[in-house]
Protein backbone atom coordinates (compact mmCIF):
# COMPACT_ATOMS: atom_id res chain seq x y z
CA MET A 1 1.64 -4.33 8.96
CA GLN A 2 -2.39 -3.81 8.54
CA TRP A 3 -4.19 -0.58 7.38
CA GLU A 4 -7.82 0.25 7.99
CA GLU A 5 -9.37 2.25 5.15
CA GLU A 6 -10.71 4.86 7.19
CA THR A 7 -7.01 5.71 7.96
CA LEU A 8 -5.94 6.20 4.11
CA SER A 9 -4.21 9.82 4.16
CA GLU A 10 -4.75 12.06 1.26
CA GLY A 11 -0.82 12.54 1.71
CA ALA A 12 -0.77 8.93 -0.05
CA PRO A 13 0.20 8.63 -3.97
CA LYS A 14 -3.26 8.28 -5.33
CA ALA A 15 -1.51 5.23 -7.51
CA LEU A 16 -0.98 3.39 -3.94
CA VAL A 17 -4.33 4.77 -2.31
CA ASP A 18 -6.19 3.46 -5.49
CA LEU A 19 -4.36 0.13 -5.41
CA PHE A 20 -5.21 -0.18 -1.79
CA ARG A 21 -8.63 0.23 -2.78
CA THR A 22 -8.90 -2.33 -4.96
CA VAL A 23 -7.11 -4.94 -2.79
CA LYS A 24 -9.52 -4.14 0.12
CA GLU A 25 -12.38 -4.54 -2.40
CA GLN A 26 -11.42 -8.39 -2.60
CA GLU A 27 -10.83 -8.90 1.11
CA PRO A 28 -13.84 -9.56 3.79
CA SER A 29 -11.40 -8.25 6.61
CA PRO A 30 -11.81 -4.38 7.67
CA VAL A 31 -7.76 -4.42 7.09
CA VAL A 32 -5.36 -5.08 4.34
CA LEU A 33 -2.16 -7.22 5.20
CA LEU A 34 0.83 -5.57 3.56
CA SER A 35 2.30 -8.57 2.19
CA ARG A 36 -1.25 -8.53 0.41
CA LEU A 37 -0.56 -5.09 -1.23
CA GLY A 38 2.91 -5.91 -1.95
CA SER A 39 1.75 -8.77 -4.23
CA ALA A 40 -0.96 -6.93 -5.84
CA LEU A 41 1.50 -4.04 -6.41
CA ARG A 42 4.00 -6.68 -8.20
CA ARG A 43 1.06 -8.21 -10.28
CA VAL A 44 0.47 -4.40 -11.55
CA ASP A 45 3.96 -3.43 -11.56
CA PRO A 46 6.36 -6.04 -12.26
CA SER A 47 9.56 -3.39 -11.98
CA PHE A 48 8.35 -1.34 -9.19
CA ASP A 49 11.63 -0.75 -6.84
CA PRO A 50 10.77 1.17 -3.72
CA GLU A 51 14.60 2.60 -4.03
CA GLU A 52 12.94 4.80 -7.15
CA TYR A 53 11.34 6.95 -3.76
CA GLY A 54 14.15 6.82 -1.85
CA VAL A 55 13.41 3.63 0.49
CA PRO A 56 14.62 0.21 0.61
CA ASN A 57 11.22 -1.65 1.20
CA LEU A 58 7.65 -1.06 0.52
CA ARG A 59 7.44 -1.05 4.39
CA ALA A 60 9.39 1.79 4.47
CA LEU A 61 7.47 3.55 1.71
CA ILE A 62 4.40 3.02 3.65
CA ALA A 63 6.14 4.36 6.82
CA GLN A 64 6.22 7.70 5.03
CA TYR A 65 2.58 7.69 5.18
CA PRO A 66 1.53 7.11 9.19
CA ASP A 67 -1.93 7.67 8.47
CA LEU A 68 -1.71 4.43 6.42
CA GLY A 69 -1.04 2.24 8.70
């Protein structure tokens, strides 16, 4: 899964959007891979659990915001 910065939804959690932008700044490509975002998320918050958001994984969490990817 790839995200283009221009497609970021205002409905997405601010922390997720902020993290996306941080990862994007480190990438020369115009897209951010879900795997890179997941790695960054684990570095920022090792206790992150998508099940706290009612979904089984990060992909499912992102899928709740179709404008993101």
